[in-house]
C-alpha atoms as a PDB file:
ATOM      1  CA  MET A   1       0.000   0.000   0.000  1.00  0.00           C
ATOM      2  CA  TYR A   2       1.234   3.470  -0.918  1.00  0.00           C
ATOM      3  CA  GLN A   3       2.433   5.217   2.240  1.00  0.00           C
ATOM      4  CA  LEU A   4       1.824   8.895   2.987  1.00  0.00           C
ATOM      5  CA  GLY A   5       3.504  11.022   5.632  1.00  0.00           C
ATOM      6  CA  TRP A   6       1.603  14.129   6.755  1.00  0.00           C
ATOM      7  CA  PHE A   7       3.275  17.249   8.176  1.00  0.00           C
ATOM      8  CA  SER A   8       1.262  20.050   9.773  1.00  0.00           C
ATOM      9  CA  THR A   9       1.492  22.670  12.485  1.00  0.00           C
ATOM     10  CA  GLY A  10      -2.260  22.302  13.010  1.00  0.00           C
ATOM     11  CA  ARG A  11      -2.693  26.028  13.471  1.00  0.00           C
ATOM     12  CA  ASP A  12      -6.292  26.434  12.301  1.00  0.00           C
ATOM     13  CA  LYS A  13      -9.516  24.712  11.299  1.00  0.00           C
ATOM     14  CA  ALA A  14      -8.348  24.501   7.669  1.00  0.00           C
ATOM     15  CA  ALA A  15      -5.487  22.200   8.744  1.00  0.00           C
ATOM     16  CA  ARG A  16      -7.981  19.820  10.354  1.00  0.00           C
ATOM     17  CA  ASP A  17     -10.401  19.985   7.457  1.00  0.00           C
ATOM     18  CA  LEU A  18      -7.678  19.182   4.910  1.00  0.00           C
ATOM     19  CA  LEU A  19      -6.516  16.145   6.838  1.00  0.00           C
ATOM     20  CA  GLN A  20     -10.103  14.975   7.368  1.00  0.00           C
ATOM     21  CA  ALA A  21     -10.836  15.372   3.642  1.00  0.00           C
ATOM     22  CA  VAL A  22      -7.886  13.150   2.726  1.00  0.00           C
ATOM     23  CA  ILE A  23      -8.795  10.576   5.386  1.00  0.00           C
ATOM     24  CA  SER A  24     -12.357  10.446   4.035  1.00  0.00           C
ATOM     25  CA  SER A  25     -11.098  10.117   0.467  1.00  0.00           C
ATOM     26  CA  ILE A  26      -8.884   7.191   1.486  1.00  0.00           C
ATOM     27  CA  LYS A  27     -11.837   5.506   3.194  1.00  0.00           C
ATOM     28  CA  ARG A  28     -13.910   5.933   0.005  1.00  0.00           C
ATOM     29  CA  GLY A  29     -11.143   4.279  -2.004  1.00  0.00           C
ATOM     30  CA  GLU A  30     -10.395   7.370  -4.097  1.00  0.00           C
ATOM     31  CA  ILE A  31      -6.830   7.713  -2.822  1.00  0.00           C
ATOM     32  CA  GLU A  32      -5.212   4.279  -2.899  1.00  0.00           C
ATOM     33  CA  ALA A  33      -2.957   4.852   0.087  1.00  0.00           C
ATOM     34  CA  GLU A  34      -2.760   4.986   3.853  1.00  0.00           C
ATOM     35  CA  ILE A  35      -1.382   7.682   6.139  1.00  0.00           C
ATOM     36  CA  ALA A  36       1.667   6.109   7.771  1.00  0.00           C
ATOM     37  CA  PHE A  37       2.109   8.927  10.276  1.00  0.00           C
ATOM     38  CA  VAL A  38       1.234  12.515  11.082  1.00  0.00           C
ATOM     39  CA  PHE A  39       3.998  14.813  12.291  1.00  0.00           C
ATOM     40  CA  SER A  40       3.033  17.959  14.182  1.00  0.00           C
ATOM     41  CA  SER A  41       5.403  20.799  15.033  1.00  0.00           C
ATOM     42  CA  ARG A  42       3.217  21.548  18.040  1.00  0.00           C
ATOM     43  CA  GLU A  43       2.752  19.436  21.155  1.00  0.00           C
ATOM     44  CA  PRO A  44      -0.366  19.038  23.322  1.00  0.00           C
ATOM     45  CA  GLY A  45      -1.210  22.094  25.386  1.00  0.00           C
ATOM     46  CA  GLU A  46       0.420  24.692  23.123  1.00  0.00           C
ATOM     47  CA  SER A  47      -2.759  25.974  21.487  1.00  0.00           C
ATOM     48  CA  LYS A  48      -6.457  25.228  21.325  1.00  0.00           C
ATOM     49  CA  GLU A  49      -6.382  24.726  17.540  1.00  0.00           C
ATOM     50  CA  GLY A  50      -3.306  22.529  17.782  1.00  0.00           C
ATOM     51  CA  ASP A  51      -4.973  20.319  20.381  1.00  0.00           C
ATOM     52  CA  LEU A  52      -8.040  19.881  18.173  1.00  0.00           C
ATOM     53  CA  PHE A  53      -5.765  18.818  15.319  1.00  0.00           C
ATOM     54  CA  LEU A  54      -3.916  16.297  17.500  1.00  0.00           C
ATOM     55  CA  ARG A  55      -7.218  14.914  18.790  1.00  0.00           C
ATOM     56  CA  LEU A  56      -8.383  14.305  15.210  1.00  0.00           C
ATOM     57  CA  VAL A  57      -5.229  12.300  14.476  1.00  0.00           C
ATOM     58  CA  GLU A  58      -5.623  10.241  17.631  1.00  0.00           C
ATOM     59  CA  ASP A  59      -9.340   9.628  16.991  1.00  0.00           C
ATOM     60  CA  GLU A  60      -8.418   8.251  13.541  1.00  0.00           C
ATOM     61  CA  HIS A  61      -5.783   5.958  15.141  1.00  0.00           C
ATOM     62  CA  ILE A  62      -3.005   7.325  12.945  1.00  0.00           C
ATOM     63  CA  PRO A  63       0.533   7.169  14.408  1.00  0.00           C
ATOM     64  CA  LEU A  64       1.332  10.646  15.735  1.00  0.00           C
ATOM     65  CA  VAL A  65       4.765  12.190  16.265  1.00  0.00           C
ATOM     66  CA  CYS A  66       5.096  15.639  17.857  1.00  0.00           C
ATOM     67  CA  LEU A  67       8.027  17.958  18.439  1.00  0.00           C
ATOM     68  CA  SER A  68       7.360  21.549  19.443  1.00  0.00           C
ATOM     69  CA  TYR A  69       9.546  23.864  17.407  1.00  0.00           C
ATOM     70  CA  GLN A  70       8.874  26.678  19.904  1.00  0.00           C
ATOM     71  CA  LYS A  71      10.093  24.614  22.847  1.00  0.00           C
ATOM     72  CA  PHE A  72      13.013  23.254  20.819  1.00  0.00           C
ATOM     73  CA  LYS A  73      14.037  26.784  19.869  1.00  0.00           C
ATOM     74  CA  ALA A  74      13.832  27.982  23.468  1.00  0.00           C
ATOM     75  CA  ARG A  75      15.915  25.033  24.622  1.00  0.00           C
ATOM     76  CA  LYS A  76      18.470  24.979  21.805  1.00  0.00           C
ATOM     77  CA  GLY A  77      18.391  28.423  20.285  1.00  0.00           C
ATOM     78  CA  ALA A  78      20.369  30.056  23.067  1.00  0.00           C
ATOM     79  CA  THR A  79      23.271  27.645  22.685  1.00  0.00           C
ATOM     80  CA  ILE A  80      23.229  27.111  18.892  1.00  0.00           C
ATOM     81  CA  THR A  81      23.898  30.408  17.156  1.00  0.00           C
ATOM     82  CA  GLY A  82      24.677  31.348  13.587  1.00  0.00           C
ATOM     83  CA  ARG A  83      23.058  30.401  10.286  1.00  0.00           C
ATOM     84  CA  ALA A  84      23.480  27.782   7.584  1.00  0.00           C
ATOM     85  CA  GLY A  85      22.145  29.142   4.317  1.00  0.00           C
ATOM     86  CA  THR A  86      18.724  30.658   4.970  1.00  0.00           C
ATOM     87  CA  LEU A  87      18.084  28.844   8.258  1.00  0.00           C
ATOM     88  CA  PRO A  88      19.408  29.394  11.784  1.00  0.00           C
ATOM     89  CA  LEU A  89      21.453  26.489  13.110  1.00  0.00           C
ATOM     90  CA  TRP A  90      18.836  25.491  15.684  1.00  0.00           C
ATOM     91  CA  ARG A  91      16.448  24.796  12.788  1.00  0.00           C
ATOM     92  CA  LEU A  92      18.891  22.365  11.209  1.00  0.00           C
ATOM     93  CA  ASP A  93      19.140  20.568  14.535  1.00  0.00           C
ATOM     94  CA  TYR A  94      15.354  20.557  14.772  1.00  0.00           C
ATOM     95  CA  ASP A  95      14.933  18.884  11.368  1.00  0.00           C
ATOM     96  CA  ARG A  96      17.546  16.274  12.253  1.00  0.00           C
ATOM     97  CA  GLU A  97      15.637  15.467  15.433  1.00  0.00           C
ATOM     98  CA  VAL A  98      12.415  15.203  13.437  1.00  0.00           C
ATOM     99  CA  MET A  99      14.049  12.741  11.029  1.00  0.00           C
ATOM    100  CA  ASN A 100      15.403  10.763  13.976  1.00  0.00           C
ATOM    101  CA  ARG A 101      11.910  10.426  15.440  1.00  0.00           C
ATOM    102  CA  LEU A 102      10.507   9.355  12.069  1.00  0.00           C
ATOM    103  CA  GLN A 103      13.233   6.833  11.243  1.00  0.00           C
ATOM    104  CA  ASP A 104      10.922   3.812  11.633  1.00  0.00           C
ATOM    105  CA  PHE A 105       8.570   5.132   8.947  1.00  0.00           C
ATOM    106  CA  HIS A 106       9.213   4.781   5.213  1.00  0.00           C
ATOM    107  CA  PRO A 107       6.729   7.015   3.382  1.00  0.00           C
ATOM    108  CA  ASP A 108       6.499   6.981  -0.391  1.00  0.00           C
ATOM    109  CA  LEU A 109       5.447  10.632  -0.303  1.00  0.00           C
ATOM    110  CA  CYS A 110       5.210  13.303   2.385  1.00  0.00           C
ATOM    111  CA  VAL A 111       2.605  16.059   2.286  1.00  0.00           C
ATOM    112  CA  LEU A 112       3.059  19.453   3.914  1.00  0.00           C
ATOM    113  CA  ALA A 113      -0.380  20.946   4.606  1.00  0.00           C
ATOM    114  CA  GLY A 114      -0.301  23.933   6.913  1.00  0.00           C
ATOM    115  CA  TYR A 115       3.273  23.160   8.031  1.00  0.00           C
ATOM    116  CA  MET A 116       4.641  26.519   9.122  1.00  0.00           C
ATOM    117  CA  LEU A 117       8.369  25.784   8.890  1.00  0.00           C
ATOM    118  CA  ILE A 118      10.809  25.919   5.984  1.00  0.00           C
ATOM    119  CA  VAL A 119      12.296  22.451   5.446  1.00  0.00           C
ATOM    120  CA  ASP A 120      16.079  22.252   5.199  1.00  0.00           C
ATOM    121  CA  LYS A 121      18.051  20.641   2.372  1.00  0.00           C
ATOM    122  CA  GLU A 122      18.831  17.481   4.353  1.00  0.00           C
ATOM    123  CA  MET A 123      15.172  16.694   4.973  1.00  0.00           C
ATOM    124  CA  CYS A 124      14.271  17.494   1.362  1.00  0.00           C
ATOM    125  CA  GLN A 125      16.843  14.920   0.263  1.00  0.00           C
ATOM    126  CA  ARG A 126      15.616  12.309   2.759  1.00  0.00           C
ATOM    127  CA  TYR A 127      11.947  12.455   1.763  1.00  0.00           C
ATOM    128  CA  ASP A 128       9.907  13.075  -1.366  1.00  0.00           C
ATOM    129  CA  MET A 129       7.810  16.010  -0.184  1.00  0.00           C
ATOM    130  CA  ILE A 130       5.082  18.126  -1.734  1.00  0.00           C
ATOM    131  CA  ASN A 131       3.499  21.227  -0.262  1.00  0.00           C
ATOM    132  CA  LEU A 132       0.062  22.770  -0.583  1.00  0.00           C
ATOM    133  CA  HIS A 133       0.392  26.487  -1.336  1.00  0.00           C
ATOM    134  CA  PRO A 134      -2.556  28.904  -1.721  1.00  0.00           C
ATOM    135  CA  ALA A 135      -1.327  30.626  -4.886  1.00  0.00           C
ATOM    136  CA  ALA A 136      -0.759  29.816  -8.543  1.00  0.00           C
ATOM    137  CA  PRO A 137       2.755  29.072  -9.846  1.00  0.00           C
ATOM    138  CA  GLY A 138       4.762  32.297  -9.826  1.00  0.00           C
ATOM    139  CA  GLY A 139       2.323  33.889  -7.382  1.00  0.00           C
ATOM    140  CA  PRO A 140       2.869  35.353  -3.912  1.00  0.00           C
ATOM    141  CA  THR A 141       4.669  33.379  -1.201  1.00  0.00           C
ATOM    142  CA  GLY A 142       3.979  33.172   2.533  1.00  0.00           C
ATOM    143  CA  THR A 143       0.934  32.197   4.587  1.00  0.00           C
ATOM    144  CA  TRP A 144      -2.506  32.232   3.026  1.00  0.00           C
ATOM    145  CA  GLN A 145      -3.184  35.539   4.769  1.00  0.00           C
ATOM    146  CA  GLU A 146       0.012  37.081   3.365  1.00  0.00           C
ATOM    147  CA  VAL A 147      -0.817  35.737  -0.103  1.00  0.00           C
ATOM    148  CA  ILE A 148      -4.259  37.381  -0.120  1.00  0.00           C
ATOM    149  CA  TRP A 149      -2.929  40.719   1.149  1.00  0.00           C
ATOM    150  CA  GLN A 150      -0.299  40.706  -1.606  1.00  0.00           C
ATOM    151  CA  LEU A 151      -2.970  39.922  -4.212  1.00  0.00           C
ATOM    152  CA  ILE A 152      -5.005  42.889  -2.995  1.00  0.00           C
ATOM    153  CA  ASP A 153      -1.991  45.233  -2.850  1.00  0.00           C
ATOM    154  CA  ASN A 154      -0.936  44.162  -6.364  1.00  0.00           C
ATOM    155  CA  LYS A 155      -4.486  44.535  -7.742  1.00  0.00           C
ATOM    156  CA  ALA A 156      -4.236  40.997  -9.108  1.00  0.00           C
ATOM    157  CA  GLN A 157      -6.577  39.654 -11.785  1.00  0.00           C
ATOM    158  CA  GLU A 158      -6.429  35.973 -10.773  1.00  0.00           C
ATOM    159  CA  THR A 159      -4.898  33.575  -8.305  1.00  0.00           C
ATOM    160  CA  GLY A 160      -4.927  29.839  -7.659  1.00  0.00           C
ATOM    161  CA  VAL A 161      -3.791  26.892  -5.592  1.00  0.00           C
ATOM    162  CA  MET A 162      -0.898  24.531  -6.245  1.00  0.00           C
ATOM    163  CA  MET A 163       0.881  21.457  -4.999  1.00  0.00           C
ATOM    164  CA  HIS A 164       4.622  21.866  -5.501  1.00  0.00           C
ATOM    165  CA  LEU A 165       7.801  19.983  -4.779  1.00  0.00           C
ATOM    166  CA  VAL A 166       9.327  21.039  -1.461  1.00  0.00           C
ATOM    167  CA  THR A 167      12.719  22.719  -1.641  1.00  0.00           C
ATOM    168  CA  PRO A 168      14.664  24.719   0.961  1.00  0.00           C
ATOM    169  CA  GLU A 169      13.495  27.910  -0.782  1.00  0.00           C
ATOM    170  CA  LEU A 170      10.113  28.959   0.581  1.00  0.00           C
ATOM    171  CA  ASP A 171       7.197  28.153  -1.766  1.00  0.00           C
ATOM    172  CA  LYS A 172       9.522  28.080  -4.804  1.00  0.00           C
ATOM    173  CA  GLY A 173       9.649  24.361  -5.656  1.00  0.00           C
ATOM    174  CA  PRO A 174       8.506  23.270  -9.135  1.00  0.00           C
ATOM    175  CA  PRO A 175       4.714  22.859  -9.427  1.00  0.00           C
ATOM    176  CA  VAL A 176       3.255  19.355  -9.542  1.00  0.00           C
ATOM    177  CA  THR A 177      -0.407  20.288  -9.997  1.00  0.00           C
ATOM    178  CA  TYR A 178      -2.296  23.558  -9.879  1.00  0.00           C
ATOM    179  CA  CYS A 179      -5.503  25.360 -10.719  1.00  0.00           C
ATOM    180  CA  THR A 180      -6.356  29.021 -11.209  1.00  0.00           C
ATOM    181  CA  PHE A 181      -9.435  31.198 -10.803  1.00  0.00           C
ATOM    182  CA  PRO A 182     -10.271  34.862 -11.529  1.00  0.00           C
ATOM    183  CA  ILE A 183     -10.706  37.371  -8.721  1.00  0.00           C
ATOM    184  CA  ARG A 184     -12.285  39.992 -10.994  1.00  0.00           C
ATOM    185  CA  GLY A 185     -15.808  40.133 -12.348  1.00  0.00           C
ATOM    186  CA  GLU A 186     -18.781  39.001 -10.302  1.00  0.00           C
ATOM    187  CA  PRO A 187     -18.946  38.621  -7.343  1.00  0.00           C
ATOM    188  CA  PHE A 188     -15.554  40.288  -6.729  1.00  0.00           C
ATOM    189  CA  ASP A 189     -15.822  43.705  -8.411  1.00  0.00           C
ATOM    190  CA  LYS A 190     -18.106  45.266  -5.786  1.00  0.00           C
ATOM    191  CA  TYR A 191     -15.566  44.548  -3.071  1.00  0.00           C
ATOM    192  CA  TRP A 192     -12.623  45.686  -5.188  1.00  0.00           C
ATOM    193  CA  ARG A 193     -14.345  49.070  -5.559  1.00  0.00           C
ATOM    194  CA  GLU A 194     -14.736  49.291  -1.782  1.00  0.00           C
ATOM    195  CA  ILE A 195     -11.067  48.432  -1.162  1.00  0.00           C
ATOM    196  CA  GLU A 196      -9.799  50.856  -3.790  1.00  0.00           C
ATOM    197  CA  LYS A 197     -11.588  53.748  -2.045  1.00  0.00           C
ATOM    198  CA  LEU A 198      -9.501  53.175   1.092  1.00  0.00           C
ATOM    199  CA  PRO A 199      -6.173  54.963   1.686  1.00  0.00           C
ATOM    200  CA  LEU A 200      -3.107  52.749   1.139  1.00  0.00           C
ATOM    201  CA  THR A 201      -2.282  53.077   4.847  1.00  0.00           C
ATOM    202  CA  SER A 202      -5.748  52.073   6.000  1.00  0.00           C
ATOM    203  CA  PRO A 203      -5.673  48.997   8.309  1.00  0.00           C
ATOM    204  CA  GLU A 204      -8.914  47.837   6.656  1.00  0.00           C
ATOM    205  CA  ARG A 205      -6.932  46.984   3.508  1.00  0.00           C
ATOM    206  CA  HIS A 206      -5.100  44.311   5.514  1.00  0.00           C
ATOM    207  CA  SER A 207      -7.989  43.050   7.584  1.00  0.00           C
ATOM    208  CA  GLU A 208      -9.129  39.444   7.573  1.00  0.00           C
ATOM    209  CA  GLU A 209     -12.646  40.809   8.075  1.00  0.00           C
ATOM    210  CA  SER A 210     -12.718  42.651   4.746  1.00  0.00           C
ATOM    211  CA  PRO A 211     -15.338  41.165   2.377  1.00  0.00           C
ATOM    212  CA  LEU A 212     -12.799  40.964  -0.474  1.00  0.00           C
ATOM    213  CA  PHE A 213     -10.302  39.106   1.720  1.00  0.00           C
ATOM    214  CA  LYS A 214     -12.991  36.644   2.822  1.00  0.00           C
ATOM    215  CA  LEU A 215     -14.243  36.075  -0.728  1.00  0.00           C
ATOM    216  CA  ILE A 216     -10.776  35.344  -2.138  1.00  0.00           C
ATOM    217  CA  ARG A 217     -10.134  32.949   0.753  1.00  0.00           C
ATOM    218  CA  GLN A 218     -13.498  31.228   0.223  1.00  0.00           C
ATOM    219  CA  HIS A 219     -12.800  30.558  -3.454  1.00  0.00           C
ATOM    220  CA  GLY A 220      -9.250  29.376  -2.764  1.00  0.00           C
ATOM    221  CA  LEU A 221     -10.211  27.103   0.101  1.00  0.00           C
ATOM    222  CA  ALA A 222     -12.953  25.507  -2.003  1.00  0.00           C
ATOM    223  CA  ARG A 223     -10.228  24.405  -4.448  1.00  0.00           C
ATOM    224  CA  GLU A 224      -7.621  23.250  -1.940  1.00  0.00           C
ATOM    225  CA  PHE A 225      -9.497  20.099  -0.971  1.00  0.00           C
ATOM    226  CA  PRO A 226     -10.188  18.753  -4.486  1.00  0.00           C
ATOM    227  CA  LEU A 227      -6.680  19.698  -5.658  1.00  0.00           C
ATOM    228  CA  ILE A 228      -4.877  17.862  -2.853  1.00  0.00           C
ATOM    229  CA  ILE A 229      -7.154  14.812  -3.237  1.00  0.00           C
ATOM    230  CA  THR A 230      -6.735  14.723  -7.029  1.00  0.00           C
ATOM    231  CA  THR A 231      -2.961  15.053  -6.649  1.00  0.00           C
ATOM    232  CA  LEU A 232      -2.622  12.299  -4.046  1.00  0.00           C
ATOM    233  CA  LYS A 233      -4.885  10.053  -6.095  1.00  0.00           C
ATOM    234  CA  ALA A 234      -2.553  10.513  -9.092  1.00  0.00           C
ATOM    235  CA  PHE A 235       0.525   9.707  -6.987  1.00  0.00           C
ATOM    236  CA  SER A 236      -1.057   6.646  -5.377  1.00  0.00           C
ATOM    237  CA  GLN A 237      -2.035   5.299  -8.811  1.00  0.00           C
ATOM    238  CA  GLY A 238       1.426   5.896 -10.273  1.00  0.00           C
ATOM    239  CA  LYS A 239       0.262   8.562 -12.720  1.00  0.00           C
ATOM    240  CA  VAL A 240       2.691  11.051 -11.181  1.00  0.00           C
ATOM    241  CA  LYS A 241       6.057  10.094  -9.705  1.00  0.00           C
ATOM    242  CA  LEU A 242       9.231  11.623  -8.351  1.00  0.00           C
ATOM    243  CA  THR A 243      12.525  10.220  -9.641  1.00  0.00           C
ATOM    244  CA  ALA A 244      15.599   9.592  -7.491  1.00  0.00           C
ATOM    245  CA  ASP A 245      16.963  12.981  -8.514  1.00  0.00           C
ATOM    246  CA  LYS A 246      13.678  14.730  -7.596  1.00  0.00           C
ATOM    247  CA  LYS A 247      12.281  15.167 -11.099  1.00  0.00           C
ATOM    248  CA  ILE A 248       8.498  15.138 -11.560  1.00  0.00           C
ATOM    249  CA  VAL A 249       7.431  12.613 -14.221  1.00  0.00           C
ATOM    250  CA  ASN A 250       4.282  10.888 -15.450  1.00  0.00           C
ATOM    251  CA  ALA A 251       3.606   7.134 -15.677  1.00  0.00           C
ATOM    252  CA  GLU A 252       5.731   6.951 -18.851  1.00  0.00           C
ATOM    253  CA  ARG A 253       8.537   8.771 -16.965  1.00  0.00           C
ATOM    254  CA  ARG A 254       8.197  11.863 -19.131  1.00  0.00           C
ATOM    255  CA  PRO A 255       8.955  15.145 -17.334  1.00  0.00           C
ATOM    256  CA  ILE A 256       5.986  17.153 -16.081  1.00  0.00           C
ATOM    257  CA  ASN A 257       6.031  20.911 -15.737  1.00  0.00           C
ATOM    258  CA  GLY A 258       2.935  21.045 -13.566  1.00  0.00           C
ATOM    259  CA  TYR A 259      -0.490  19.641 -14.445  1.00  0.00           C
ATOM    260  CA  ASN A 260      -3.024  22.420 -14.969  1.00  0.00           C
ATOM    261  CA  LEU A 261      -6.166  20.948 -13.420  1.00  0.00           C
ATOM    262  CA  THR A 262      -8.283  24.108 -13.568  1.00  0.00           C
ATOM    263  CA  ASP A 263     -11.112  22.574 -15.620  1.00  0.00           C
ATOM    264  CA  GLU A 264     -11.295  19.425 -13.489  1.00  0.00           C
ATOM    265  CA  ILE A 265     -11.190  21.355 -10.207  1.00  0.00           C
ATOM    266  CA  ASN A 266     -13.845  23.819 -11.383  1.00  0.00           C
ATOM    267  CA  GLU A 267     -16.159  20.921 -12.192  1.00  0.00           C
ATOM    268  CA  LEU A 268     -15.651  19.478  -8.721  1.00  0.00           C
ATOM    269  CA  VAL A 269     -16.189  22.872  -7.068  1.00  0.00           C
ATOM    270  CA  GLU A 270     -19.376  23.536  -9.006  1.00  0.00           C
END
């Protein structure tokens, strides 16, 4: 059976919903795989949302491994100074400890879904990893909130969602699958007009309560679930693979430069 590893910080309801959607898809036989383990970068008691995420994993009887990056940083950060590339040295030690705790698992593919840490080069080499990112290829980087604020500031015409290969460079790995959608026209234009009346320094432009912010998030979130399920289904059936040198190929081992699944995802959303 195809083995999945799941990495998440479990910071919000979306993290739980994504995991639950994949679990349900596996139970329906759509994704021909099983989740070998869930790794959380939070431990019990650190946050209400994190605890709800951990409870979901335990209720589904999935092996759970936790290592608080905040506690690790507090314990190690004071004694391990300096940087290696883009990461502080304590982060490299953290990833090595994560790999040590996961050494008994042998996932075919690891999924980062709401995992709030950059993964270092050593871990990228150890595992085949893909990440869910709430933007189209070439779009904004950062958290989903930061992505939406950048879209608004840049007066973007469209955005999307993608699954991409994990590299040490934040949100810059080559796309595996993606879909796009417009954020102009109905029902968006009314809210664009409201935003554009506000001064550039107005805090309302960067508010999660703004109707435009909420609408962009709603349309993106509606596509995240079907995209991640469609992608994992393709991997579990051998339609998409990663080679030993981290190249994305199809079943015939021909290179893939990202599957555009916009039409398929739109059908599922509608």
